[in-house]
Amino acid sequence: MWNEFEWENKINVKSTIPSLKQYFDSLLVGTNMKNLTPGAVIGEECRFLSANLYSRSAFGEDALANVCIERSVSGKIVGQVRIRAKTQGLALSFGDKVAAIARKTDKAQINKV
């Protein structure tokens, strides 16, 4: 399917989310994609992640994504997510969602007592 899809959107990821697992889980939920890579189940100690994702839109359009990310020495998550689809709109839409997830931060909030 990867070769059949004409449109590609490559997103560079730079995120302050503290762990790869949290970022990957946010990516799956935020894009409504399914993990095709059985070995991509990760623990909190992992530094690298490579996985393939799949999704079908409500209109029956398919999309694939390849995720290659790592946790850098500084603690930030960096890498790329490549999305391929038959239509430009779907590839761009998923790219916007991935970019929004990368901008999320999980900073602790302090409430007054």
PDB file of N, CA and C in Angstrom:
ATOM      1  N   MET A   1       0.822  -1.196   0.000  1.00  0.00           N
ATOM      2  CA  MET A   1       0.000   0.000   0.000  1.00  0.00           C
ATOM      3  C   MET A   1       0.871   1.267   0.000  1.00  0.00           C
ATOM      4  N   TRP A   2       2.035   1.190   0.652  1.00  0.00           N
ATOM      5  CA  TRP A   2       2.884   2.384   0.770  1.00  0.00           C
ATOM      6  C   TRP A   2       3.216   2.944  -0.605  1.00  0.00           C
ATOM      7  N   ASN A   3       3.549   2.081  -1.560  1.00  0.00           N
ATOM      8  CA  ASN A   3       3.914   2.538  -2.901  1.00  0.00           C
ATOM      9  C   ASN A   3       2.710   3.025  -3.698  1.00  0.00           C
ATOM     10  N   GLU A   4       1.515   2.537  -3.405  1.00  0.00           N
ATOM     11  CA  GLU A   4       0.309   2.941  -4.125  1.00  0.00           C
ATOM     12  C   GLU A   4      -0.129   4.362  -3.769  1.00  0.00           C
ATOM     13  N   PHE A   5       0.170   4.787  -2.554  1.00  0.00           N
ATOM     14  CA  PHE A   5      -0.284   6.101  -2.107  1.00  0.00           C
ATOM     15  C   PHE A   5       0.641   7.176  -2.653  1.00  0.00           C
ATOM     16  N   GLU A   6       0.048   8.174  -3.300  1.00  0.00           N
ATOM     17  CA  GLU A   6       0.809   9.194  -4.025  1.00  0.00           C
ATOM     18  C   GLU A   6       1.239  10.367  -3.147  1.00  0.00           C
ATOM     19  N   TRP A   7       0.454  10.694  -2.140  1.00  0.00           N
ATOM     20  CA  TRP A   7       0.727  11.895  -1.351  1.00  0.00           C
ATOM     21  C   TRP A   7       1.459  11.540  -0.067  1.00  0.00           C
ATOM     22  N   GLU A   8       2.506  12.293   0.202  1.00  0.00           N
ATOM     23  CA  GLU A   8       3.279  12.078   1.422  1.00  0.00           C
ATOM     24  C   GLU A   8       3.432  13.395   2.162  1.00  0.00           C
ATOM     25  N   ASN A   9       3.330  13.312   3.472  1.00  0.00           N
ATOM     26  CA  ASN A   9       3.523  14.460   4.339  1.00  0.00           C
ATOM     27  C   ASN A   9       4.530  14.034   5.407  1.00  0.00           C
ATOM     28  N   LYS A  10       5.672  14.691   5.460  1.00  0.00           N
ATOM     29  CA  LYS A  10       6.711  14.359   6.430  1.00  0.00           C
ATOM     30  C   LYS A  10       6.744  15.451   7.487  1.00  0.00           C
ATOM     31  N   ILE A  11       6.559  15.045   8.737  1.00  0.00           N
ATOM     32  CA  ILE A  11       6.518  15.989   9.847  1.00  0.00           C
ATOM     33  C   ILE A  11       7.730  15.740  10.737  1.00  0.00           C
ATOM     34  N   ASN A  12       8.504  16.785  10.980  1.00  0.00           N
ATOM     35  CA  ASN A  12       9.613  16.702  11.937  1.00  0.00           C
ATOM     36  C   ASN A  12       9.043  16.905  13.326  1.00  0.00           C
ATOM     37  N   VAL A  13       9.379  16.010  14.218  1.00  0.00           N
ATOM     38  CA  VAL A  13       8.837  16.025  15.568  1.00  0.00           C
ATOM     39  C   VAL A  13       9.875  16.560  16.541  1.00  0.00           C
ATOM     40  N   LYS A  14       9.467  17.531  17.340  1.00  0.00           N
ATOM     41  CA  LYS A  14      10.243  18.023  18.479  1.00  0.00           C
ATOM     42  C   LYS A  14       9.230  18.262  19.583  1.00  0.00           C
ATOM     43  N   SER A  15       9.261  17.428  20.597  1.00  0.00           N
ATOM     44  CA  SER A  15       8.238  17.499  21.634  1.00  0.00           C
ATOM     45  C   SER A  15       8.868  17.447  23.011  1.00  0.00           C
ATOM     46  N   THR A  16       8.208  18.086  23.967  1.00  0.00           N
ATOM     47  CA  THR A  16       8.669  18.053  25.354  1.00  0.00           C
ATOM     48  C   THR A  16       7.881  17.049  26.178  1.00  0.00           C
ATOM     49  N   ILE A  17       7.061  16.231  25.556  1.00  0.00           N
ATOM     50  CA  ILE A  17       6.369  15.164  26.289  1.00  0.00           C
ATOM     51  C   ILE A  17       7.456  14.282  26.901  1.00  0.00           C
ATOM     52  N   PRO A  18       7.341  13.920  28.177  1.00  0.00           N
ATOM     53  CA  PRO A  18       8.451  13.308  28.894  1.00  0.00           C
ATOM     54  C   PRO A  18       8.891  11.905  28.448  1.00  0.00           C
ATOM     55  N   SER A  19       8.029  11.098  27.839  1.00  0.00           N
ATOM     56  CA  SER A  19       8.457   9.750  27.474  1.00  0.00           C
ATOM     57  C   SER A  19       7.936   9.372  26.083  1.00  0.00           C
ATOM     58  N   LEU A  20       8.646   8.436  25.458  1.00  0.00           N
ATOM     59  CA  LEU A  20       8.210   7.935  24.150  1.00  0.00           C
ATOM     60  C   LEU A  20       6.851   7.258  24.251  1.00  0.00           C
ATOM     61  N   LYS A  21       6.624   6.532  25.323  1.00  0.00           N
ATOM     62  CA  LYS A  21       5.349   5.835  25.494  1.00  0.00           C
ATOM     63  C   LYS A  21       4.195   6.828  25.534  1.00  0.00           C
ATOM     64  N   GLN A  22       4.345   7.903  26.290  1.00  0.00           N
ATOM     65  CA  GLN A  22       3.284   8.915  26.359  1.00  0.00           C
ATOM     66  C   GLN A  22       3.058   9.558  24.997  1.00  0.00           C
ATOM     67  N   TYR A  23       4.147   9.866  24.289  1.00  0.00           N
ATOM     68  CA  TYR A  23       4.004  10.471  22.970  1.00  0.00           C
ATOM     69  C   TYR A  23       3.320   9.506  22.003  1.00  0.00           C
ATOM     70  N   PHE A  24       3.763   8.246  21.991  1.00  0.00           N
ATOM     71  CA  PHE A  24       3.199   7.259  21.078  1.00  0.00           C
ATOM     72  C   PHE A  24       1.722   7.014  21.376  1.00  0.00           C
ATOM     73  N   ASP A  25       1.370   6.906  22.656  1.00  0.00           N
ATOM     74  CA  ASP A  25      -0.038   6.730  23.030  1.00  0.00           C
ATOM     75  C   ASP A  25      -0.867   7.942  22.604  1.00  0.00           C
ATOM     76  N   SER A  26      -0.321   9.145  22.781  1.00  0.00           N
ATOM     77  CA  SER A  26      -1.020  10.361  22.343  1.00  0.00           C
ATOM     78  C   SER A  26      -1.197  10.378  20.832  1.00  0.00           C
ATOM     79  N   LEU A  27      -0.192   9.894  20.116  1.00  0.00           N
ATOM     80  CA  LEU A  27      -0.254   9.838  18.658  1.00  0.00           C
ATOM     81  C   LEU A  27      -1.345   8.874  18.196  1.00  0.00           C
ATOM     82  N   LEU A  28      -1.432   7.709  18.817  1.00  0.00           N
ATOM     83  CA  LEU A  28      -2.456   6.730  18.447  1.00  0.00           C
ATOM     84  C   LEU A  28      -3.860   7.266  18.721  1.00  0.00           C
ATOM     85  N   VAL A  29      -4.051   7.882  19.869  1.00  0.00           N
ATOM     86  CA  VAL A  29      -5.367   8.412  20.225  1.00  0.00           C
ATOM     87  C   VAL A  29      -5.715   9.633  19.370  1.00  0.00           C
ATOM     88  N   GLY A  30      -4.768  10.550  19.208  1.00  0.00           N
ATOM     89  CA  GLY A  30      -5.016  11.803  18.488  1.00  0.00           C
ATOM     90  C   GLY A  30      -5.272  11.637  17.003  1.00  0.00           C
ATOM     91  N   THR A  31      -4.678  10.605  16.400  1.00  0.00           N
ATOM     92  CA  THR A  31      -4.861  10.374  14.967  1.00  0.00           C
ATOM     93  C   THR A  31      -5.857   9.256  14.679  1.00  0.00           C
ATOM     94  N   ASN A  32      -6.262   8.532  15.716  1.00  0.00           N
ATOM     95  CA  ASN A  32      -7.163   7.386  15.578  1.00  0.00           C
ATOM     96  C   ASN A  32      -6.563   6.320  14.657  1.00  0.00           C
ATOM     97  N   MET A  33      -5.248   6.143  14.756  1.00  0.00           N
ATOM     98  CA  MET A  33      -4.556   5.142  13.952  1.00  0.00           C
ATOM     99  C   MET A  33      -4.285   3.910  14.799  1.00  0.00           C
ATOM    100  N   LYS A  34      -4.081   2.788  14.115  1.00  0.00           N
ATOM    101  CA  LYS A  34      -3.780   1.523  14.774  1.00  0.00           C
ATOM    102  C   LYS A  34      -2.320   1.158  14.530  1.00  0.00           C
ATOM    103  N   ASN A  35      -1.704   0.548  15.521  1.00  0.00           N
ATOM    104  CA  ASN A  35      -0.308   0.139  15.448  1.00  0.00           C
ATOM    105  C   ASN A  35      -0.190  -1.171  14.671  1.00  0.00           C
ATOM    106  N   LEU A  36       0.575  -1.172  13.579  1.00  0.00           N
ATOM    107  CA  LEU A  36       0.796  -2.378  12.790  1.00  0.00           C
ATOM    108  C   LEU A  36       2.070  -3.116  13.181  1.00  0.00           C
ATOM    109  N   THR A  37       2.880  -2.521  14.033  1.00  0.00           N
ATOM    110  CA  THR A  37       4.166  -3.091  14.406  1.00  0.00           C
ATOM    111  C   THR A  37       4.052  -3.714  15.785  1.00  0.00           C
ATOM    112  N   PRO A  38       3.996  -5.051  15.860  1.00  0.00           N
ATOM    113  CA  PRO A  38       3.804  -5.686  17.167  1.00  0.00           C
ATOM    114  C   PRO A  38       4.921  -5.397  18.164  1.00  0.00           C
ATOM    115  N   GLY A  39       6.144  -5.202  17.700  1.00  0.00           N
ATOM    116  CA  GLY A  39       7.260  -4.929  18.600  1.00  0.00           C
ATOM    117  C   GLY A  39       7.308  -3.496  19.089  1.00  0.00           C
ATOM    118  N   ALA A  40       6.362  -2.659  18.686  1.00  0.00           N
ATOM    119  CA  ALA A  40       6.385  -1.250  19.063  1.00  0.00           C
ATOM    120  C   ALA A  40       5.734  -0.998  20.411  1.00  0.00           C
ATOM    121  N   VAL A  41       5.436  -2.067  21.150  1.00  0.00           N
ATOM    122  CA  VAL A  41       4.957  -1.898  22.508  1.00  0.00           C
ATOM    123  C   VAL A  41       6.183  -1.543  23.330  1.00  0.00           C
ATOM    124  N   ILE A  42       6.152  -0.377  23.944  1.00  0.00           N
ATOM    125  CA  ILE A  42       7.371   0.136  24.570  1.00  0.00           C
ATOM    126  C   ILE A  42       7.180   0.375  26.054  1.00  0.00           C
ATOM    127  N   GLY A  43       8.280   0.346  26.750  1.00  0.00           N
ATOM    128  CA  GLY A  43       8.283   0.649  28.169  1.00  0.00           C
ATOM    129  C   GLY A  43       8.767   2.074  28.397  1.00  0.00           C
ATOM    130  N   GLU A  44       8.820   2.458  29.631  1.00  0.00           N
ATOM    131  CA  GLU A  44       9.208   3.827  29.984  1.00  0.00           C
ATOM    132  C   GLU A  44      10.698   4.090  29.753  1.00  0.00           C
ATOM    133  N   GLU A  45      11.524   3.053  29.704  1.00  0.00           N
ATOM    134  CA  GLU A  45      12.969   3.223  29.597  1.00  0.00           C
ATOM    135  C   GLU A  45      13.482   3.286  28.159  1.00  0.00           C
ATOM    136  N   CYS A  46      12.634   3.092  27.164  1.00  0.00           N
ATOM    137  CA  CYS A  46      13.076   3.050  25.767  1.00  0.00           C
ATOM    138  C   CYS A  46      13.588   4.417  25.307  1.00  0.00           C
ATOM    139  N   ARG A  47      14.606   4.397  24.430  1.00  0.00           N
ATOM    140  CA  ARG A  47      15.137   5.634  23.864  1.00  0.00           C
ATOM    141  C   ARG A  47      14.769   5.792  22.406  1.00  0.00           C
ATOM    142  N   PHE A  48      14.425   4.701  21.702  1.00  0.00           N
ATOM    143  CA  PHE A  48      14.126   4.745  20.276  1.00  0.00           C
ATOM    144  C   PHE A  48      12.806   4.040  20.004  1.00  0.00           C
ATOM    145  N   LEU A  49      12.110   4.500  18.961  1.00  0.00           N
ATOM    146  CA  LEU A  49      10.867   3.845  18.550  1.00  0.00           C
ATOM    147  C   LEU A  49      10.705   3.967  17.044  1.00  0.00           C
ATOM    148  N   SER A  50      10.401   2.854  16.415  1.00  0.00           N
ATOM    149  CA  SER A  50      10.063   2.839  15.001  1.00  0.00           C
ATOM    150  C   SER A  50       8.818   1.977  14.863  1.00  0.00           C
ATOM    151  N   ALA A  51       7.772   2.514  14.235  1.00  0.00           N
ATOM    152  CA  ALA A  51       6.517   1.782  14.117  1.00  0.00           C
ATOM    153  C   ALA A  51       5.775   2.214  12.857  1.00  0.00           C
ATOM    154  N   ASN A  52       4.898   1.335  12.396  1.00  0.00           N
ATOM    155  CA  ASN A  52       4.020   1.627  11.262  1.00  0.00           C
ATOM    156  C   ASN A  52       2.583   1.666  11.761  1.00  0.00           C
ATOM    157  N   LEU A  53       1.838   2.658  11.290  1.00  0.00           N
ATOM    158  CA  LEU A  53       0.458   2.855  11.717  1.00  0.00           C
ATOM    159  C   LEU A  53      -0.468   2.835  10.508  1.00  0.00           C
ATOM    160  N   TYR A  54      -1.761   2.528  10.757  1.00  0.00           N
ATOM    161  CA  TYR A  54      -2.756   2.466   9.688  1.00  0.00           C
ATOM    162  C   TYR A  54      -4.063   3.051  10.188  1.00  0.00           C
ATOM    163  N   SER A  55      -4.786   3.695   9.268  1.00  0.00           N
ATOM    164  CA  SER A  55      -6.103   4.213   9.602  1.00  0.00           C
ATOM    165  C   SER A  55      -6.975   4.250   8.359  1.00  0.00           C
ATOM    166  N   ARG A  56      -8.269   4.137   8.558  1.00  0.00           N
ATOM    167  CA  ARG A  56      -9.245   4.287   7.482  1.00  0.00           C
ATOM    168  C   ARG A  56     -10.220   5.377   7.904  1.00  0.00           C
ATOM    169  N   SER A  57     -10.431   6.360   7.025  1.00  0.00           N
ATOM    170  CA  SER A  57     -11.316   7.484   7.341  1.00  0.00           C
ATOM    171  C   SER A  57     -12.775   7.043   7.251  1.00  0.00           C
ATOM    172  N   ALA A  58     -13.653   7.921   7.688  1.00  0.00           N
ATOM    173  CA  ALA A  58     -15.091   7.653   7.619  1.00  0.00           C
ATOM    174  C   ALA A  58     -15.563   7.515   6.167  1.00  0.00           C
ATOM    175  N   PHE A  59     -14.776   8.053   5.227  1.00  0.00           N
ATOM    176  CA  PHE A  59     -15.128   7.988   3.813  1.00  0.00           C
ATOM    177  C   PHE A  59     -14.475   6.809   3.104  1.00  0.00           C
ATOM    178  N   GLY A  60     -13.793   5.928   3.877  1.00  0.00           N
ATOM    179  CA  GLY A  60     -13.178   4.743   3.306  1.00  0.00           C
ATOM    180  C   GLY A  60     -11.797   4.963   2.715  1.00  0.00           C
ATOM    181  N   GLU A  61     -11.175   6.097   2.996  1.00  0.00           N
ATOM    182  CA  GLU A  61      -9.822   6.360   2.507  1.00  0.00           C
ATOM    183  C   GLU A  61      -8.803   5.815   3.499  1.00  0.00           C
ATOM    184  N   ASP A  62      -7.772   5.177   2.980  1.00  0.00           N
ATOM    185  CA  ASP A  62      -6.723   4.608   3.822  1.00  0.00           C
ATOM    186  C   ASP A  62      -5.563   5.576   3.971  1.00  0.00           C
ATOM    187  N   ALA A  63      -4.892   5.480   5.112  1.00  0.00           N
ATOM    188  CA  ALA A  63      -3.675   6.264   5.353  1.00  0.00           C
ATOM    189  C   ALA A  63      -2.697   5.398   6.128  1.00  0.00           C
ATOM    190  N   LEU A  64      -1.427   5.546   5.805  1.00  0.00           N
ATOM    191  CA  LEU A  64      -0.345   4.847   6.499  1.00  0.00           C
ATOM    192  C   LEU A  64       0.601   5.873   7.092  1.00  0.00           C
ATOM    193  N   ALA A  65       1.238   5.511   8.183  1.00  0.00           N
ATOM    194  CA  ALA A  65       2.236   6.396   8.789  1.00  0.00           C
ATOM    195  C   ALA A  65       3.421   5.564   9.249  1.00  0.00           C
ATOM    196  N   ASN A  66       4.598   6.134   9.122  1.00  0.00           N
ATOM    197  CA  ASN A  66       5.824   5.534   9.622  1.00  0.00           C
ATOM    198  C   ASN A  66       6.384   6.491  10.661  1.00  0.00           C
ATOM    199  N   VAL A  67       6.567   6.000  11.873  1.00  0.00           N
ATOM    200  CA  VAL A  67       7.036   6.809  12.991  1.00  0.00           C
ATOM    201  C   VAL A  67       8.455   6.388  13.344  1.00  0.00           C
ATOM    202  N   CYS A  68       9.385   7.327  13.339  1.00  0.00           N
ATOM    203  CA  CYS A  68      10.772   7.085  13.765  1.00  0.00           C
ATOM    204  C   CYS A  68      11.149   8.215  14.712  1.00  0.00           C
ATOM    205  N   ILE A  69      11.150   7.917  16.005  1.00  0.00           N
ATOM    206  CA  ILE A  69      11.424   8.944  17.001  1.00  0.00           C
ATOM    207  C   ILE A  69      12.415   8.408  18.038  1.00  0.00           C
ATOM    208  N   GLU A  70      13.038   9.340  18.745  1.00  0.00           N
ATOM    209  CA  GLU A  70      13.946   8.981  19.826  1.00  0.00           C
ATOM    210  C   GLU A  70      13.876  10.041  20.915  1.00  0.00           C
ATOM    211  N   ARG A  71      14.258   9.640  22.107  1.00  0.00           N
ATOM    212  CA  ARG A  71      14.369  10.583  23.213  1.00  0.00           C
ATOM    213  C   ARG A  71      15.823  11.020  23.264  1.00  0.00           C
ATOM    214  N   SER A  72      16.054  12.299  23.049  1.00  0.00           N
ATOM    215  CA  SER A  72      17.420  12.818  23.000  1.00  0.00           C
ATOM    216  C   SER A  72      18.014  12.898  24.404  1.00  0.00           C
ATOM    217  N   VAL A  73      19.289  13.210  24.459  1.00  0.00           N
ATOM    218  CA  VAL A  73      19.990  13.335  25.732  1.00  0.00           C
ATOM    219  C   VAL A  73      19.370  14.447  26.576  1.00  0.00           C
ATOM    220  N   SER A  74      18.882  15.491  25.923  1.00  0.00           N
ATOM    221  CA  SER A  74      18.261  16.607  26.644  1.00  0.00           C
ATOM    222  C   SER A  74      16.860  16.274  27.152  1.00  0.00           C
ATOM    223  N   GLY A  75      16.334  15.098  26.782  1.00  0.00           N
ATOM    224  CA  GLY A  75      15.014  14.682  27.256  1.00  0.00           C
ATOM    225  C   GLY A  75      13.887  14.963  26.290  1.00  0.00           C
ATOM    226  N   LYS A  76      14.157  15.684  25.207  1.00  0.00           N
ATOM    227  CA  LYS A  76      13.116  15.979  24.225  1.00  0.00           C
ATOM    228  C   LYS A  76      12.937  14.803  23.274  1.00  0.00           C
ATOM    229  N   ILE A  77      11.750  14.684  22.736  1.00  0.00           N
ATOM    230  CA  ILE A  77      11.472  13.656  21.738  1.00  0.00           C
ATOM    231  C   ILE A  77      11.650  14.294  20.367  1.00  0.00           C
ATOM    232  N   VAL A  78      12.509  13.674  19.549  1.00  0.00           N
ATOM    233  CA  VAL A  78      12.793  14.188  18.213  1.00  0.00           C
ATOM    234  C   VAL A  78      12.689  13.043  17.211  1.00  0.00           C
ATOM    235  N   GLY A  79      12.410  13.386  15.961  1.00  0.00           N
ATOM    236  CA  GLY A  79      12.325  12.386  14.904  1.00  0.00           C
ATOM    237  C   GLY A  79      11.409  12.840  13.797  1.00  0.00           C
ATOM    238  N   GLN A  80      10.844  11.856  13.094  1.00  0.00           N
ATOM    239  CA  GLN A  80       9.967  12.151  11.968  1.00  0.00           C
ATOM    240  C   GLN A  80       8.779  11.208  11.946  1.00  0.00           C
ATOM    241  N   VAL A  81       7.676  11.727  11.419  1.00  0.00           N
ATOM    242  CA  VAL A  81       6.503  10.917  11.116  1.00  0.00           C
ATOM    243  C   VAL A  81       6.190  11.159   9.643  1.00  0.00           C
ATOM    244  N   ARG A  82       6.200  10.089   8.863  1.00  0.00           N
ATOM    245  CA  ARG A  82       5.874  10.171   7.437  1.00  0.00           C
ATOM    246  C   ARG A  82       4.491   9.575   7.225  1.00  0.00           C
ATOM    247  N   ILE A  83       3.626  10.344   6.602  1.00  0.00           N
ATOM    248  CA  ILE A  83       2.250   9.914   6.354  1.00  0.00           C
ATOM    249  C   ILE A  83       2.041   9.815   4.858  1.00  0.00           C
ATOM    250  N   ARG A  84       1.422   8.724   4.421  1.00  0.00           N
ATOM    251  CA  ARG A  84       1.111   8.548   2.995  1.00  0.00           C
ATOM    252  C   ARG A  84      -0.367   8.233   2.856  1.00  0.00           C
ATOM    253  N   ALA A  85      -0.977   8.841   1.824  1.00  0.00           N
ATOM    254  CA  ALA A  85      -2.394   8.626   1.538  1.00  0.00           C
ATOM    255  C   ALA A  85      -2.635   8.830   0.039  1.00  0.00           C
ATOM    256  N   LYS A  86      -3.802   8.401  -0.420  1.00  0.00           N
ATOM    257  CA  LYS A  86      -4.127   8.585  -1.838  1.00  0.00           C
ATOM    258  C   LYS A  86      -4.495  10.022  -2.153  1.00  0.00           C
ATOM    259  N   THR A  87      -5.025  10.733  -1.158  1.00  0.00           N
ATOM    260  CA  THR A  87      -5.435  12.119  -1.402  1.00  0.00           C
ATOM    261  C   THR A  87      -4.577  13.082  -0.582  1.00  0.00           C
ATOM    262  N   GLN A  88      -4.373  14.252  -1.145  1.00  0.00           N
ATOM    263  CA  GLN A  88      -3.562  15.267  -0.478  1.00  0.00           C
ATOM    264  C   GLN A  88      -4.221  15.738   0.811  1.00  0.00           C
ATOM    265  N   GLY A  89      -5.516  15.901   0.792  1.00  0.00           N
ATOM    266  CA  GLY A  89      -6.234  16.402   1.960  1.00  0.00           C
ATOM    267  C   GLY A  89      -6.072  15.515   3.182  1.00  0.00           C
ATOM    268  N   LEU A  90      -6.132  14.208   2.971  1.00  0.00           N
ATOM    269  CA  LEU A  90      -5.995  13.274   4.083  1.00  0.00           C
ATOM    270  C   LEU A  90      -4.573  13.302   4.643  1.00  0.00           C
ATOM    271  N   ALA A  91      -3.578  13.346   3.772  1.00  0.00           N
ATOM    272  CA  ALA A  91      -2.184  13.401   4.226  1.00  0.00           C
ATOM    273  C   ALA A  91      -1.921  14.686   5.014  1.00  0.00           C
ATOM    274  N   LEU A  92      -2.456  15.806   4.546  1.00  0.00           N
ATOM    275  CA  LEU A  92      -2.258  17.078   5.249  1.00  0.00           C
ATOM    276  C   LEU A  92      -3.014  17.114   6.574  1.00  0.00           C
ATOM    277  N   SER A  93      -4.208  16.536   6.603  1.00  0.00           N
ATOM    278  CA  SER A  93      -5.010  16.518   7.818  1.00  0.00           C
ATOM    279  C   SER A  93      -4.318  15.722   8.915  1.00  0.00           C
ATOM    280  N   PHE A  94      -3.809  14.538   8.578  1.00  0.00           N
ATOM    281  CA  PHE A  94      -3.081  13.743   9.560  1.00  0.00           C
ATOM    282  C   PHE A  94      -1.806  14.465   9.989  1.00  0.00           C
ATOM    283  N   GLY A  95      -1.153  15.152   9.078  1.00  0.00           N
ATOM    284  CA  GLY A  95       0.049  15.912   9.416  1.00  0.00           C
ATOM    285  C   GLY A  95      -0.237  17.005  10.432  1.00  0.00           C
ATOM    286  N   ASP A  96      -1.367  17.689  10.276  1.00  0.00           N
ATOM    287  CA  ASP A  96      -1.764  18.718  11.242  1.00  0.00           C
ATOM    288  C   ASP A  96      -1.990  18.119  12.627  1.00  0.00           C
ATOM    289  N   LYS A  97      -2.615  16.938  12.671  1.00  0.00           N
ATOM    290  CA  LYS A  97      -2.860  16.287  13.957  1.00  0.00           C
ATOM    291  C   LYS A  97      -1.552  15.884  14.629  1.00  0.00           C
ATOM    292  N   VAL A  98      -0.621  15.343  13.842  1.00  0.00           N
ATOM    293  CA  VAL A  98       0.678  14.932  14.391  1.00  0.00           C
ATOM    294  C   VAL A  98       1.435  16.145  14.921  1.00  0.00           C
ATOM    295  N   ALA A  99       1.407  17.243  14.181  1.00  0.00           N
ATOM    296  CA  ALA A  99       2.093  18.460  14.623  1.00  0.00           C
ATOM    297  C   ALA A  99       1.479  18.998  15.919  1.00  0.00           C
ATOM    298  N   ALA A 100       0.161  18.928  16.042  1.00  0.00           N
ATOM    299  CA  ALA A 100      -0.502  19.403  17.256  1.00  0.00           C
ATOM    300  C   ALA A 100      -0.117  18.544  18.458  1.00  0.00           C
ATOM    301  N   ILE A 101       0.006  17.248  18.261  1.00  0.00           N
ATOM    302  CA  ILE A 101       0.395  16.351  19.350  1.00  0.00           C
ATOM    303  C   ILE A 101       1.825  16.649  19.789  1.00  0.00           C
ATOM    304  N   ALA A 102       2.705  16.916  18.839  1.00  0.00           N
ATOM    305  CA  ALA A 102       4.101  17.216  19.166  1.00  0.00           C
ATOM    306  C   ALA A 102       4.221  18.506  19.972  1.00  0.00           C
ATOM    307  N   ARG A 103       3.298  19.438  19.777  1.00  0.00           N
ATOM    308  CA  ARG A 103       3.348  20.707  20.513  1.00  0.00           C
ATOM    309  C   ARG A 103       2.813  20.583  21.935  1.00  0.00           C
ATOM    310  N   LYS A 104       2.101  19.488  22.234  1.00  0.00           N
ATOM    311  CA  LYS A 104       1.555  19.305  23.578  1.00  0.00           C
ATOM    312  C   LYS A 104       2.681  19.169  24.587  1.00  0.00           C
ATOM    313  N   THR A 105       2.430  19.667  25.780  1.00  0.00           N
ATOM    314  CA  THR A 105       3.366  19.453  26.880  1.00  0.00           C
ATOM    315  C   THR A 105       2.590  18.906  28.062  1.00  0.00           C
ATOM    316  N   ASP A 106       3.265  18.160  28.879  1.00  0.00           N
ATOM    317  CA  ASP A 106       2.657  17.595  30.076  1.00  0.00           C
ATOM    318  C   ASP A 106       3.301  18.190  31.311  1.00  0.00           C
ATOM    319  N   LYS A 107       3.232  19.503  31.423  1.00  0.00           N
ATOM    320  CA  LYS A 107       3.806  20.178  32.581  1.00  0.00           C
ATOM    321  C   LYS A 107       2.855  20.039  33.756  1.00  0.00           C
ATOM    322  N   ALA A 108       3.410  19.924  34.920  1.00  0.00           N
ATOM    323  CA  ALA A 108       2.601  19.806  36.133  1.00  0.00           C
ATOM    324  C   ALA A 108       1.920  21.127  36.404  1.00  0.00           C
ATOM    325  N   GLN A 109       0.674  21.039  36.826  1.00  0.00           N
ATOM    326  CA  GLN A 109      -0.057  22.233  37.182  1.00  0.00           C
ATOM    327  C   GLN A 109      -0.138  22.311  38.703  1.00  0.00           C
ATOM    328  N   ILE A 110       0.065  23.499  39.234  1.00  0.00           N
ATOM    329  CA  ILE A 110       0.020  23.696  40.684  1.00  0.00           C
ATOM    330  C   ILE A 110      -1.263  24.432  41.017  1.00  0.00           C
ATOM    331  N   ASN A 111      -2.041  23.846  41.885  1.00  0.00           N
ATOM    332  CA  ASN A 111      -3.275  24.471  42.331  1.00  0.00           C
ATOM    333  C   ASN A 111      -3.055  25.059  43.711  1.00  0.00           C
ATOM    334  N   LYS A 112      -3.688  26.204  43.967  1.00  0.00           N
ATOM    335  CA  LYS A 112      -3.572  26.817  45.287  1.00  0.00           C
ATOM    336  C   LYS A 112      -4.345  25.985  46.300  1.00  0.00           C
ATOM    337  N   VAL A 113      -3.802  25.901  47.488  1.00  0.00           N
ATOM    338  CA  VAL A 113      -4.449  25.142  48.554  1.00  0.00           C
ATOM    339  C   VAL A 113      -5.145  26.091  49.486  1.00  0.00           C
TER     340      VAL A 113
END
